[in-house]
Amino acid sequence: MTQEAFEEHKVRNRLNVVSDGAEALAYLRREGQYADAVRPDLILLDLNLPRRDGREVLAEIKKDDELGRIPVVVLTTSSADEDILRSYQLHANAYVTKPVDFERFIAVIRQIDEFFVSVVKLPPRA
């Protein structure tokens, strides 16, 4: 759904998608087939990932000196207080509950893009 929103509504940034938490960490660490992967400026992370849950991925990202500088937006269907609290305890930069309605979802993606690309100053790439 996120990829479709980026494509159909021309969000300015390139979107790279992986299918599970283990693959996400391999991509970020540039392991195996991802040896030449471009380091992302922003990570949109679902909590409900197969193989390695999004909370585990977030913890691994934030304990890594290099990866920990990349802002992580948790973008998930969960609105449970415990997931919100745990995500911020793991140093998520934002927590967004995915809207069910596609048009609203697109609006949320645009707001995330606008905020993290145009409004905030991000650290320089390593």
PDB file of N, CA and C in Angstrom:
ATOM      1  N   MET A   1       0.826  -1.196   0.000  1.00  0.00           N
ATOM      2  CA  MET A   1       0.000   0.000   0.000  1.00  0.00           C
ATOM      3  C   MET A   1       0.869   1.257   0.000  1.00  0.00           C
ATOM      4  N   THR A   2       1.945   1.237   0.787  1.00  0.00           N
ATOM      5  CA  THR A   2       2.850   2.390   0.834  1.00  0.00           C
ATOM      6  C   THR A   2       3.512   2.596  -0.518  1.00  0.00           C
ATOM      7  N   GLN A   3       3.964   1.496  -1.116  1.00  0.00           N
ATOM      8  CA  GLN A   3       4.614   1.597  -2.426  1.00  0.00           C
ATOM      9  C   GLN A   3       3.643   2.158  -3.452  1.00  0.00           C
ATOM     10  N   GLU A   4       2.409   1.707  -3.429  1.00  0.00           N
ATOM     11  CA  GLU A   4       1.388   2.204  -4.351  1.00  0.00           C
ATOM     12  C   GLU A   4       1.154   3.701  -4.132  1.00  0.00           C
ATOM     13  N   ALA A   5       1.112   4.110  -2.885  1.00  0.00           N
ATOM     14  CA  ALA A   5       0.906   5.531  -2.587  1.00  0.00           C
ATOM     15  C   ALA A   5       2.055   6.377  -3.121  1.00  0.00           C
ATOM     16  N   PHE A   6       3.293   5.893  -2.972  1.00  0.00           N
ATOM     17  CA  PHE A   6       4.450   6.626  -3.483  1.00  0.00           C
ATOM     18  C   PHE A   6       4.387   6.743  -5.000  1.00  0.00           C
ATOM     19  N   GLU A   7       4.055   5.629  -5.663  1.00  0.00           N
ATOM     20  CA  GLU A   7       4.043   5.613  -7.126  1.00  0.00           C
ATOM     21  C   GLU A   7       2.922   6.472  -7.703  1.00  0.00           C
ATOM     22  N   GLU A   8       1.736   6.313  -7.187  1.00  0.00           N
ATOM     23  CA  GLU A   8       0.584   7.008  -7.763  1.00  0.00           C
ATOM     24  C   GLU A   8       0.582   8.505  -7.479  1.00  0.00           C
ATOM     25  N   HIS A   9       1.178   8.899  -6.413  1.00  0.00           N
ATOM     26  CA  HIS A   9       1.086  10.301  -6.025  1.00  0.00           C
ATOM     27  C   HIS A   9       2.428  11.003  -5.993  1.00  0.00           C
ATOM     28  N   LYS A  10       3.400  10.388  -6.652  1.00  0.00           N
ATOM     29  CA  LYS A  10       4.674  11.025  -6.924  1.00  0.00           C
ATOM     30  C   LYS A  10       5.305  11.688  -5.699  1.00  0.00           C
ATOM     31  N   VAL A  11       5.394  10.913  -4.635  1.00  0.00           N
ATOM     32  CA  VAL A  11       6.161  11.375  -3.493  1.00  0.00           C
ATOM     33  C   VAL A  11       7.598  11.498  -3.970  1.00  0.00           C
ATOM     34  N   ARG A  12       8.281  12.534  -3.544  1.00  0.00           N
ATOM     35  CA  ARG A  12       9.569  12.900  -4.117  1.00  0.00           C
ATOM     36  C   ARG A  12      10.694  11.893  -3.918  1.00  0.00           C
ATOM     37  N   ASN A  13      10.602  11.064  -2.946  1.00  0.00           N
ATOM     38  CA  ASN A  13      11.718  10.176  -2.642  1.00  0.00           C
ATOM     39  C   ASN A  13      11.536   8.783  -3.218  1.00  0.00           C
ATOM     40  N   ARG A  14      12.666   8.138  -3.436  1.00  0.00           N
ATOM     41  CA  ARG A  14      12.653   6.750  -3.888  1.00  0.00           C
ATOM     42  C   ARG A  14      12.275   5.872  -2.702  1.00  0.00           C
ATOM     43  N   LEU A  15      11.518   4.836  -2.985  1.00  0.00           N
ATOM     44  CA  LEU A  15      11.080   3.913  -1.951  1.00  0.00           C
ATOM     45  C   LEU A  15      11.675   2.547  -2.234  1.00  0.00           C
ATOM     46  N   ASN A  16      12.386   1.993  -1.278  1.00  0.00           N
ATOM     47  CA  ASN A  16      12.892   0.625  -1.362  1.00  0.00           C
ATOM     48  C   ASN A  16      12.120  -0.203  -0.358  1.00  0.00           C
ATOM     49  N   VAL A  17      11.613  -1.332  -0.812  1.00  0.00           N
ATOM     50  CA  VAL A  17      10.764  -2.163   0.032  1.00  0.00           C
ATOM     51  C   VAL A  17      11.411  -3.528   0.193  1.00  0.00           C
ATOM     52  N   VAL A  18      11.414  -4.028   1.413  1.00  0.00           N
ATOM     53  CA  VAL A  18      11.839  -5.399   1.683  1.00  0.00           C
ATOM     54  C   VAL A  18      10.665  -6.124   2.314  1.00  0.00           C
ATOM     55  N   SER A  19      10.730  -7.446   2.318  1.00  0.00           N
ATOM     56  CA  SER A  19       9.538  -8.208   2.685  1.00  0.00           C
ATOM     57  C   SER A  19       9.455  -8.637   4.143  1.00  0.00           C
ATOM     58  N   ASP A  20      10.562  -8.554   4.873  1.00  0.00           N
ATOM     59  CA  ASP A  20      10.500  -8.968   6.279  1.00  0.00           C
ATOM     60  C   ASP A  20      11.593  -8.275   7.084  1.00  0.00           C
ATOM     61  N   GLY A  21      11.553  -8.498   8.383  1.00  0.00           N
ATOM     62  CA  GLY A  21      12.490  -7.821   9.274  1.00  0.00           C
ATOM     63  C   GLY A  21      13.937  -8.230   9.079  1.00  0.00           C
ATOM     64  N   ALA A  22      14.171  -9.514   8.807  1.00  0.00           N
ATOM     65  CA  ALA A  22      15.542  -9.984   8.584  1.00  0.00           C
ATOM     66  C   ALA A  22      16.117  -9.336   7.329  1.00  0.00           C
ATOM     67  N   GLU A  23      15.282  -9.242   6.298  1.00  0.00           N
ATOM     68  CA  GLU A  23      15.726  -8.611   5.052  1.00  0.00           C
ATOM     69  C   GLU A  23      15.963  -7.113   5.267  1.00  0.00           C
ATOM     70  N   ALA A  24      15.144  -6.491   6.090  1.00  0.00           N
ATOM     71  CA  ALA A  24      15.319  -5.065   6.384  1.00  0.00           C
ATOM     72  C   ALA A  24      16.689  -4.810   7.013  1.00  0.00           C
ATOM     73  N   LEU A  25      17.051  -5.657   7.967  1.00  0.00           N
ATOM     74  CA  LEU A  25      18.355  -5.471   8.610  1.00  0.00           C
ATOM     75  C   LEU A  25      19.501  -5.769   7.639  1.00  0.00           C
ATOM     76  N   ALA A  26      19.346  -6.785   6.801  1.00  0.00           N
ATOM     77  CA  ALA A  26      20.381  -7.087   5.798  1.00  0.00           C
ATOM     78  C   ALA A  26      20.545  -5.905   4.846  1.00  0.00           C
ATOM     79  N   TYR A  27      19.425  -5.316   4.436  1.00  0.00           N
ATOM     80  CA  TYR A  27      19.465  -4.154   3.545  1.00  0.00           C
ATOM     81  C   TYR A  27      20.209  -2.993   4.222  1.00  0.00           C
ATOM     82  N   LEU A  28      19.806  -2.688   5.444  1.00  0.00           N
ATOM     83  CA  LEU A  28      20.411  -1.552   6.140  1.00  0.00           C
ATOM     84  C   LEU A  28      21.895  -1.771   6.428  1.00  0.00           C
ATOM     85  N   ARG A  29      22.267  -3.013   6.692  1.00  0.00           N
ATOM     86  CA  ARG A  29      23.673  -3.334   6.988  1.00  0.00           C
ATOM     87  C   ARG A  29      24.477  -3.623   5.723  1.00  0.00           C
ATOM     88  N   ARG A  30      23.789  -3.553   4.582  1.00  0.00           N
ATOM     89  CA  ARG A  30      24.428  -3.799   3.280  1.00  0.00           C
ATOM     90  C   ARG A  30      25.087  -5.170   3.221  1.00  0.00           C
ATOM     91  N   GLU A  31      24.312  -6.157   3.619  1.00  0.00           N
ATOM     92  CA  GLU A  31      24.806  -7.532   3.627  1.00  0.00           C
ATOM     93  C   GLU A  31      24.298  -8.285   2.398  1.00  0.00           C
ATOM     94  N   GLY A  32      25.089  -9.227   1.911  1.00  0.00           N
ATOM     95  CA  GLY A  32      24.668 -10.115   0.834  1.00  0.00           C
ATOM     96  C   GLY A  32      24.247  -9.361  -0.412  1.00  0.00           C
ATOM     97  N   GLN A  33      23.041  -9.655  -0.896  1.00  0.00           N
ATOM     98  CA  GLN A  33      22.545  -9.030  -2.125  1.00  0.00           C
ATOM     99  C   GLN A  33      22.385  -7.513  -1.997  1.00  0.00           C
ATOM    100  N   TYR A  34      22.460  -6.996  -0.784  1.00  0.00           N
ATOM    101  CA  TYR A  34      22.290  -5.553  -0.562  1.00  0.00           C
ATOM    102  C   TYR A  34      23.617  -4.824  -0.348  1.00  0.00           C
ATOM    103  N   ALA A  35      24.715  -5.451  -0.741  1.00  0.00           N
ATOM    104  CA  ALA A  35      26.042  -4.861  -0.528  1.00  0.00           C
ATOM    105  C   ALA A  35      26.159  -3.456  -1.111  1.00  0.00           C
ATOM    106  N   ASP A  36      25.458  -3.178  -2.194  1.00  0.00           N
ATOM    107  CA  ASP A  36      25.535  -1.863  -2.836  1.00  0.00           C
ATOM    108  C   ASP A  36      24.312  -0.993  -2.551  1.00  0.00           C
ATOM    109  N   ALA A  37      23.532  -1.359  -1.596  1.00  0.00           N
ATOM    110  CA  ALA A  37      22.306  -0.608  -1.296  1.00  0.00           C
ATOM    111  C   ALA A  37      22.632   0.813  -0.833  1.00  0.00           C
ATOM    112  N   VAL A  38      21.801   1.733  -1.255  1.00  0.00           N
ATOM    113  CA  VAL A  38      21.941   3.120  -0.825  1.00  0.00           C
ATOM    114  C   VAL A  38      21.312   3.245   0.548  1.00  0.00           C
ATOM    115  N   ARG A  39      22.031   3.875   1.433  1.00  0.00           N
ATOM    116  CA  ARG A  39      21.518   4.051   2.793  1.00  0.00           C
ATOM    117  C   ARG A  39      20.316   4.993   2.749  1.00  0.00           C
ATOM    118  N   PRO A  40      19.204   4.621   3.360  1.00  0.00           N
ATOM    119  CA  PRO A  40      18.003   5.476   3.290  1.00  0.00           C
ATOM    120  C   PRO A  40      18.141   6.725   4.169  1.00  0.00           C
ATOM    121  N   ASP A  41      17.399   7.753   3.799  1.00  0.00           N
ATOM    122  CA  ASP A  41      17.336   8.970   4.613  1.00  0.00           C
ATOM    123  C   ASP A  41      16.249   8.857   5.672  1.00  0.00           C
ATOM    124  N   LEU A  42      15.313   7.961   5.432  1.00  0.00           N
ATOM    125  CA  LEU A  42      14.171   7.790   6.328  1.00  0.00           C
ATOM    126  C   LEU A  42      13.709   6.341   6.239  1.00  0.00           C
ATOM    127  N   ILE A  43      13.335   5.777   7.361  1.00  0.00           N
ATOM    128  CA  ILE A  43      12.838   4.401   7.383  1.00  0.00           C
ATOM    129  C   ILE A  43      11.380   4.426   7.818  1.00  0.00           C
ATOM    130  N   LEU A  44      10.515   3.829   6.994  1.00  0.00           N
ATOM    131  CA  LEU A  44       9.119   3.597   7.366  1.00  0.00           C
ATOM    132  C   LEU A  44       9.055   2.144   7.795  1.00  0.00           C
ATOM    133  N   LEU A  45       8.725   1.903   9.034  1.00  0.00           N
ATOM    134  CA  LEU A  45       8.827   0.562   9.602  1.00  0.00           C
ATOM    135  C   LEU A  45       7.487   0.072  10.113  1.00  0.00           C
ATOM    136  N   ASP A  46       7.073  -1.074   9.612  1.00  0.00           N
ATOM    137  CA  ASP A  46       5.869  -1.727  10.120  1.00  0.00           C
ATOM    138  C   ASP A  46       6.263  -2.561  11.332  1.00  0.00           C
ATOM    139  N   LEU A  47       5.434  -2.616  12.324  1.00  0.00           N
ATOM    140  CA  LEU A  47       5.743  -3.437  13.499  1.00  0.00           C
ATOM    141  C   LEU A  47       5.483  -4.915  13.236  1.00  0.00           C
ATOM    142  N   ASN A  48       4.573  -5.209  12.336  1.00  0.00           N
ATOM    143  CA  ASN A  48       4.143  -6.588  12.116  1.00  0.00           C
ATOM    144  C   ASN A  48       4.855  -7.212  10.919  1.00  0.00           C
ATOM    145  N   LEU A  49       6.149  -7.404  11.074  1.00  0.00           N
ATOM    146  CA  LEU A  49       6.957  -7.997  10.010  1.00  0.00           C
ATOM    147  C   LEU A  49       7.206  -9.471  10.297  1.00  0.00           C
ATOM    148  N   PRO A  50       7.235 -10.308   9.250  1.00  0.00           N
ATOM    149  CA  PRO A  50       7.626 -11.697   9.461  1.00  0.00           C
ATOM    150  C   PRO A  50       9.127 -11.805   9.737  1.00  0.00           C
ATOM    151  N   ARG A  51       9.525 -12.935  10.265  1.00  0.00           N
ATOM    152  CA  ARG A  51      10.904 -13.316  10.580  1.00  0.00           C
ATOM    153  C   ARG A  51      11.528 -12.490  11.700  1.00  0.00           C
ATOM    154  N   ARG A  52      11.572 -11.190  11.571  1.00  0.00           N
ATOM    155  CA  ARG A  52      12.035 -10.328  12.683  1.00  0.00           C
ATOM    156  C   ARG A  52      11.005  -9.220  12.823  1.00  0.00           C
ATOM    157  N   ASP A  53      10.393  -9.186  13.947  1.00  0.00           N
ATOM    158  CA  ASP A  53       9.340  -8.224  14.246  1.00  0.00           C
ATOM    159  C   ASP A  53       9.877  -6.790  14.167  1.00  0.00           C
ATOM    160  N   GLY A  54       9.009  -5.843  13.847  1.00  0.00           N
ATOM    161  CA  GLY A  54       9.433  -4.458  13.697  1.00  0.00           C
ATOM    162  C   GLY A  54      10.081  -3.879  14.940  1.00  0.00           C
ATOM    163  N   ARG A  55       9.660  -4.339  16.111  1.00  0.00           N
ATOM    164  CA  ARG A  55      10.269  -3.850  17.364  1.00  0.00           C
ATOM    165  C   ARG A  55      11.730  -4.300  17.445  1.00  0.00           C
ATOM    166  N   GLU A  56      11.984  -5.537  17.043  1.00  0.00           N
ATOM    167  CA  GLU A  56      13.363  -6.043  17.026  1.00  0.00           C
ATOM    168  C   GLU A  56      14.205  -5.259  16.025  1.00  0.00           C
ATOM    169  N   VAL A  57      13.629  -4.994  14.866  1.00  0.00           N
ATOM    170  CA  VAL A  57      14.349  -4.235  13.837  1.00  0.00           C
ATOM    171  C   VAL A  57      14.663  -2.832  14.347  1.00  0.00           C
ATOM    172  N   LEU A  58      13.676  -2.199  14.961  1.00  0.00           N
ATOM    173  CA  LEU A  58      13.879  -0.849  15.512  1.00  0.00           C
ATOM    174  C   LEU A  58      14.987  -0.853  16.569  1.00  0.00           C
ATOM    175  N   ALA A  59      14.968  -1.838  17.459  1.00  0.00           N
ATOM    176  CA  ALA A  59      16.006  -1.924  18.496  1.00  0.00           C
ATOM    177  C   ALA A  59      17.387  -2.086  17.865  1.00  0.00           C
ATOM    178  N   GLU A  60      17.486  -2.935  16.840  1.00  0.00           N
ATOM    179  CA  GLU A  60      18.778  -3.142  16.168  1.00  0.00           C
ATOM    180  C   GLU A  60      19.253  -1.865  15.466  1.00  0.00           C
ATOM    181  N   ILE A  61      18.335  -1.181  14.825  1.00  0.00           N
ATOM    182  CA  ILE A  61      18.689   0.069  14.135  1.00  0.00           C
ATOM    183  C   ILE A  61      19.219   1.088  15.141  1.00  0.00           C
ATOM    184  N   LYS A  62      18.498   1.275  16.218  1.00  0.00           N
ATOM    185  CA  LYS A  62      18.843   2.351  17.147  1.00  0.00           C
ATOM    186  C   LYS A  62      20.062   2.054  18.015  1.00  0.00           C
ATOM    187  N   LYS A  63      20.464   0.797  18.129  1.00  0.00           N
ATOM    188  CA  LYS A  63      21.676   0.522  18.904  1.00  0.00           C
ATOM    189  C   LYS A  63      22.940   0.566  18.033  1.00  0.00           C
ATOM    190  N   ASP A  64      22.749   0.716  16.744  1.00  0.00           N
ATOM    191  CA  ASP A  64      23.869   0.823  15.804  1.00  0.00           C
ATOM    192  C   ASP A  64      24.226   2.300  15.626  1.00  0.00           C
ATOM    193  N   ASP A  65      25.472   2.671  15.869  1.00  0.00           N
ATOM    194  CA  ASP A  65      25.879   4.081  15.798  1.00  0.00           C
ATOM    195  C   ASP A  65      25.563   4.721  14.449  1.00  0.00           C
ATOM    196  N   GLU A  66      25.792   3.999  13.371  1.00  0.00           N
ATOM    197  CA  GLU A  66      25.582   4.570  12.038  1.00  0.00           C
ATOM    198  C   GLU A  66      24.099   4.561  11.654  1.00  0.00           C
ATOM    199  N   LEU A  67      23.460   3.427  11.831  1.00  0.00           N
ATOM    200  CA  LEU A  67      22.044   3.314  11.460  1.00  0.00           C
ATOM    201  C   LEU A  67      21.147   4.116  12.393  1.00  0.00           C
ATOM    202  N   GLY A  68      21.572   4.259  13.622  1.00  0.00           N
ATOM    203  CA  GLY A  68      20.746   4.930  14.622  1.00  0.00           C
ATOM    204  C   GLY A  68      20.457   6.384  14.308  1.00  0.00           C
ATOM    205  N   ARG A  69      21.224   6.976  13.391  1.00  0.00           N
ATOM    206  CA  ARG A  69      20.990   8.381  13.013  1.00  0.00           C
ATOM    207  C   ARG A  69      19.871   8.537  12.003  1.00  0.00           C
ATOM    208  N   ILE A  70      19.459   7.438  11.386  1.00  0.00           N
ATOM    209  CA  ILE A  70      18.396   7.499  10.380  1.00  0.00           C
ATOM    210  C   ILE A  70      17.054   7.585  11.098  1.00  0.00           C
ATOM    211  N   PRO A  71      16.249   8.596  10.787  1.00  0.00           N
ATOM    212  CA  PRO A  71      14.936   8.677  11.439  1.00  0.00           C
ATOM    213  C   PRO A  71      14.065   7.482  11.057  1.00  0.00           C
ATOM    214  N   VAL A  72      13.366   6.966  12.046  1.00  0.00           N
ATOM    215  CA  VAL A  72      12.468   5.832  11.833  1.00  0.00           C
ATOM    216  C   VAL A  72      11.043   6.257  12.186  1.00  0.00           C
ATOM    217  N   VAL A  73      10.170   6.133  11.210  1.00  0.00           N
ATOM    218  CA  VAL A  73       8.745   6.368  11.434  1.00  0.00           C
ATOM    219  C   VAL A  73       8.075   5.006  11.480  1.00  0.00           C
ATOM    220  N   VAL A  74       7.513   4.679  12.628  1.00  0.00           N
ATOM    221  CA  VAL A  74       6.746   3.438  12.729  1.00  0.00           C
ATOM    222  C   VAL A  74       5.403   3.715  12.067  1.00  0.00           C
ATOM    223  N   LEU A  75       5.112   2.930  11.038  1.00  0.00           N
ATOM    224  CA  LEU A  75       3.882   3.083  10.254  1.00  0.00           C
ATOM    225  C   LEU A  75       3.181   1.739  10.302  1.00  0.00           C
ATOM    226  N   THR A  76       2.159   1.661  11.135  1.00  0.00           N
ATOM    227  CA  THR A  76       1.585   0.359  11.454  1.00  0.00           C
ATOM    228  C   THR A  76       0.072   0.443  11.649  1.00  0.00           C
ATOM    229  N   THR A  77      -0.553  -0.693  11.666  1.00  0.00           N
ATOM    230  CA  THR A  77      -2.005  -0.732  11.908  1.00  0.00           C
ATOM    231  C   THR A  77      -2.326  -0.677  13.385  1.00  0.00           C
ATOM    232  N   SER A  78      -1.365  -0.909  14.227  1.00  0.00           N
ATOM    233  CA  SER A  78      -1.616  -0.954  15.667  1.00  0.00           C
ATOM    234  C   SER A  78      -1.786   0.442  16.257  1.00  0.00           C
ATOM    235  N   SER A  79      -2.813   0.604  17.042  1.00  0.00           N
ATOM    236  CA  SER A  79      -2.966   1.849  17.818  1.00  0.00           C
ATOM    237  C   SER A  79      -2.907   1.526  19.309  1.00  0.00           C
ATOM    238  N   ALA A  80      -2.357   0.370  19.643  1.00  0.00           N
ATOM    239  CA  ALA A  80      -2.249  -0.056  21.044  1.00  0.00           C
ATOM    240  C   ALA A  80      -1.245   0.817  21.787  1.00  0.00           C
ATOM    241  N   ASP A  81      -1.638   1.289  22.951  1.00  0.00           N
ATOM    242  CA  ASP A  81      -0.762   2.135  23.759  1.00  0.00           C
ATOM    243  C   ASP A  81       0.586   1.461  24.015  1.00  0.00           C
ATOM    244  N   GLU A  82       0.575   0.154  24.263  1.00  0.00           N
ATOM    245  CA  GLU A  82       1.836  -0.550  24.546  1.00  0.00           C
ATOM    246  C   GLU A  82       2.775  -0.523  23.339  1.00  0.00           C
ATOM    247  N   ASP A  83       2.242  -0.595  22.130  1.00  0.00           N
ATOM    248  CA  ASP A  83       3.095  -0.517  20.934  1.00  0.00           C
ATOM    249  C   ASP A  83       3.654   0.885  20.758  1.00  0.00           C
ATOM    250  N   ILE A  84       2.818   1.880  21.025  1.00  0.00           N
ATOM    251  CA  ILE A  84       3.277   3.274  20.916  1.00  0.00           C
ATOM    252  C   ILE A  84       4.377   3.534  21.941  1.00  0.00           C
ATOM    253  N   LEU A  85       4.122   3.160  23.180  1.00  0.00           N
ATOM    254  CA  LEU A  85       5.101   3.366  24.250  1.00  0.00           C
ATOM    255  C   LEU A  85       6.400   2.620  23.960  1.00  0.00           C
ATOM    256  N   ARG A  86       6.302   1.366  23.580  1.00  0.00           N
ATOM    257  CA  ARG A  86       7.495   0.555  23.306  1.00  0.00           C
ATOM    258  C   ARG A  86       8.299   1.141  22.141  1.00  0.00           C
ATOM    259  N   SER A  87       7.605   1.609  21.116  1.00  0.00           N
ATOM    260  CA  SER A  87       8.305   2.186  19.960  1.00  0.00           C
ATOM    261  C   SER A  87       9.094   3.428  20.365  1.00  0.00           C
ATOM    262  N   TYR A  88       8.484   4.284  21.173  1.00  0.00           N
ATOM    263  CA  TYR A  88       9.222   5.476  21.612  1.00  0.00           C
ATOM    264  C   TYR A  88      10.345   5.115  22.587  1.00  0.00           C
ATOM    265  N   GLN A  89      10.132   4.083  23.402  1.00  0.00           N
ATOM    266  CA  GLN A  89      11.219   3.627  24.286  1.00  0.00           C
ATOM    267  C   GLN A  89      12.405   3.124  23.468  1.00  0.00           C
ATOM    268  N   LEU A  90      12.109   2.589  22.290  1.00  0.00           N
ATOM    269  CA  LEU A  90      13.173   2.106  21.403  1.00  0.00           C
ATOM    270  C   LEU A  90      13.689   3.222  20.492  1.00  0.00           C
ATOM    271  N   HIS A  91      13.255   4.455  20.747  1.00  0.00           N
ATOM    272  CA  HIS A  91      13.735   5.660  20.064  1.00  0.00           C
ATOM    273  C   HIS A  91      13.212   5.832  18.642  1.00  0.00           C
ATOM    274  N   ALA A  92      11.988   5.375  18.390  1.00  0.00           N
ATOM    275  CA  ALA A  92      11.333   5.720  17.124  1.00  0.00           C
ATOM    276  C   ALA A  92      11.224   7.244  17.074  1.00  0.00           C
ATOM    277  N   ASN A  93      11.318   7.801  15.873  1.00  0.00           N
ATOM    278  CA  ASN A  93      11.219   9.252  15.717  1.00  0.00           C
ATOM    279  C   ASN A  93       9.786   9.712  15.567  1.00  0.00           C
ATOM    280  N   ALA A  94       8.916   8.815  15.169  1.00  0.00           N
ATOM    281  CA  ALA A  94       7.485   9.123  15.072  1.00  0.00           C
ATOM    282  C   ALA A  94       6.722   7.801  15.015  1.00  0.00           C
ATOM    283  N   TYR A  95       5.485   7.861  15.414  1.00  0.00           N
ATOM    284  CA  TYR A  95       4.624   6.674  15.393  1.00  0.00           C
ATOM    285  C   TYR A  95       3.337   7.091  14.709  1.00  0.00           C
ATOM    286  N   VAL A  96       3.003   6.425  13.617  1.00  0.00           N
ATOM    287  CA  VAL A  96       1.817   6.772  12.839  1.00  0.00           C
ATOM    288  C   VAL A  96       0.969   5.516  12.651  1.00  0.00           C
ATOM    289  N   THR A  97      -0.287   5.613  13.014  1.00  0.00           N
ATOM    290  CA  THR A  97      -1.206   4.507  12.768  1.00  0.00           C
ATOM    291  C   THR A  97      -1.727   4.641  11.344  1.00  0.00           C
ATOM    292  N   LYS A  98      -1.608   3.565  10.572  1.00  0.00           N
ATOM    293  CA  LYS A  98      -2.042   3.592   9.171  1.00  0.00           C
ATOM    294  C   LYS A  98      -3.543   3.810   9.097  1.00  0.00           C
ATOM    295  N   PRO A  99      -3.952   4.830   8.377  1.00  0.00           N
ATOM    296  CA  PRO A  99      -5.393   4.995   8.169  1.00  0.00           C
ATOM    297  C   PRO A  99      -5.929   3.863   7.284  1.00  0.00           C
ATOM    298  N   VAL A 100      -7.142   3.470   7.510  1.00  0.00           N
ATOM    299  CA  VAL A 100      -7.755   2.400   6.720  1.00  0.00           C
ATOM    300  C   VAL A 100      -8.094   2.906   5.321  1.00  0.00           C
ATOM    301  N   ASP A 101      -8.546   4.133   5.230  1.00  0.00           N
ATOM    302  CA  ASP A 101      -8.947   4.740   3.961  1.00  0.00           C
ATOM    303  C   ASP A 101      -7.715   5.087   3.128  1.00  0.00           C
ATOM    304  N   PHE A 102      -7.672   4.669   1.853  1.00  0.00           N
ATOM    305  CA  PHE A 102      -6.492   4.874   1.016  1.00  0.00           C
ATOM    306  C   PHE A 102      -6.188   6.354   0.787  1.00  0.00           C
ATOM    307  N   GLU A 103      -7.197   7.160   0.558  1.00  0.00           N
ATOM    308  CA  GLU A 103      -6.972   8.600   0.340  1.00  0.00           C
ATOM    309  C   GLU A 103      -6.352   9.247   1.581  1.00  0.00           C
ATOM    310  N   ARG A 104      -6.816   8.862   2.735  1.00  0.00           N
ATOM    311  CA  ARG A 104      -6.253   9.386   3.984  1.00  0.00           C
ATOM    312  C   ARG A 104      -4.824   8.878   4.153  1.00  0.00           C
ATOM    313  N   PHE A 105      -4.608   7.627   3.780  1.00  0.00           N
ATOM    314  CA  PHE A 105      -3.265   7.052   3.853  1.00  0.00           C
ATOM    315  C   PHE A 105      -2.296   7.851   2.988  1.00  0.00           C
ATOM    316  N   ILE A 106      -2.720   8.187   1.783  1.00  0.00           N
ATOM    317  CA  ILE A 106      -1.871   8.990   0.889  1.00  0.00           C
ATOM    318  C   ILE A 106      -1.570  10.348   1.516  1.00  0.00           C
ATOM    319  N   ALA A 107      -2.564  10.951   2.118  1.00  0.00           N
ATOM    320  CA  ALA A 107      -2.352  12.245   2.779  1.00  0.00           C
ATOM    321  C   ALA A 107      -1.326  12.116   3.906  1.00  0.00           C
ATOM    322  N   VAL A 108      -1.396  11.027   4.644  1.00  0.00           N
ATOM    323  CA  VAL A 108      -0.445  10.804   5.738  1.00  0.00           C
ATOM    324  C   VAL A 108       0.962  10.613   5.174  1.00  0.00           C
ATOM    325  N   ILE A 109       1.094   9.839   4.109  1.00  0.00           N
ATOM    326  CA  ILE A 109       2.415   9.632   3.485  1.00  0.00           C
ATOM    327  C   ILE A 109       2.986  10.969   3.014  1.00  0.00           C
ATOM    328  N   ARG A 110       2.157  11.792   2.410  1.00  0.00           N
ATOM    329  CA  ARG A 110       2.624  13.115   1.963  1.00  0.00           C
ATOM    330  C   ARG A 110       3.083  13.976   3.143  1.00  0.00           C
ATOM    331  N   GLN A 111       2.353  13.906   4.253  1.00  0.00           N
ATOM    332  CA  GLN A 111       2.741  14.680   5.430  1.00  0.00           C
ATOM    333  C   GLN A 111       4.069  14.194   5.999  1.00  0.00           C
ATOM    334  N   ILE A 112       4.248  12.884   6.042  1.00  0.00           N
ATOM    335  CA  ILE A 112       5.526  12.337   6.506  1.00  0.00           C
ATOM    336  C   ILE A 112       6.646  12.801   5.586  1.00  0.00           C
ATOM    337  N   ASP A 113       6.442  12.691   4.290  1.00  0.00           N
ATOM    338  CA  ASP A 113       7.439  13.114   3.307  1.00  0.00           C
ATOM    339  C   ASP A 113       7.753  14.601   3.474  1.00  0.00           C
ATOM    340  N   GLU A 114       6.730  15.410   3.553  1.00  0.00           N
ATOM    341  CA  GLU A 114       6.915  16.859   3.694  1.00  0.00           C
ATOM    342  C   GLU A 114       7.690  17.189   4.967  1.00  0.00           C
ATOM    343  N   PHE A 115       7.315  16.562   6.061  1.00  0.00           N
ATOM    344  CA  PHE A 115       7.960  16.871   7.333  1.00  0.00           C
ATOM    345  C   PHE A 115       9.424  16.454   7.337  1.00  0.00           C
ATOM    346  N   PHE A 116       9.702  15.215   6.952  1.00  0.00           N
ATOM    347  CA  PHE A 116      11.071  14.708   7.056  1.00  0.00           C
ATOM    348  C   PHE A 116      11.979  15.152   5.916  1.00  0.00           C
ATOM    349  N   VAL A 117      11.407  15.628   4.807  1.00  0.00           N
ATOM    350  CA  VAL A 117      12.239  16.082   3.691  1.00  0.00           C
ATOM    351  C   VAL A 117      12.379  17.594   3.687  1.00  0.00           C
ATOM    352  N   SER A 118      11.316  18.310   3.975  1.00  0.00           N
ATOM    353  CA  SER A 118      11.337  19.760   3.835  1.00  0.00           C
ATOM    354  C   SER A 118      11.441  20.520   5.150  1.00  0.00           C
ATOM    355  N   VAL A 119      10.937  19.974   6.216  1.00  0.00           N
ATOM    356  CA  VAL A 119      10.873  20.731   7.469  1.00  0.00           C
ATOM    357  C   VAL A 119      12.068  20.452   8.367  1.00  0.00           C
ATOM    358  N   VAL A 120      12.372  19.210   8.613  1.00  0.00           N
ATOM    359  CA  VAL A 120      13.422  18.898   9.584  1.00  0.00           C
ATOM    360  C   VAL A 120      14.798  18.873   8.925  1.00  0.00           C
ATOM    361  N   LYS A 121      15.802  19.095   9.709  1.00  0.00           N
ATOM    362  CA  LYS A 121      17.195  18.963   9.271  1.00  0.00           C
ATOM    363  C   LYS A 121      17.667  17.593   9.720  1.00  0.00           C
ATOM    364  N   LEU A 122      18.105  16.783   8.780  1.00  0.00           N
ATOM    365  CA  LEU A 122      18.596  15.454   9.092  1.00  0.00           C
ATOM    366  C   LEU A 122      20.114  15.475   9.153  1.00  0.00           C
ATOM    367  N   PRO A 123      20.705  14.533   9.892  1.00  0.00           N
ATOM    368  CA  PRO A 123      22.178  14.494   9.939  1.00  0.00           C
ATOM    369  C   PRO A 123      22.752  14.153   8.570  1.00  0.00           C
ATOM    370  N   PRO A 124      23.973  14.610   8.288  1.00  0.00           N
ATOM    371  CA  PRO A 124      24.581  14.273   6.994  1.00  0.00           C
ATOM    372  C   PRO A 124      24.776  12.766   6.872  1.00  0.00           C
ATOM    373  N   ARG A 125      24.778  12.307   5.628  1.00  0.00           N
ATOM    374  CA  ARG A 125      25.001  10.878   5.389  1.00  0.00           C
ATOM    375  C   ARG A 125      26.398  10.488   5.833  1.00  0.00           C
ATOM    376  N   ALA A 126      26.506   9.294   6.363  1.00  0.00           N
ATOM    377  CA  ALA A 126      27.817   8.791   6.804  1.00  0.00           C
ATOM    378  C   ALA A 126      28.618   8.322   5.611  1.00  0.00           C
TER     379      ALA A 126
END
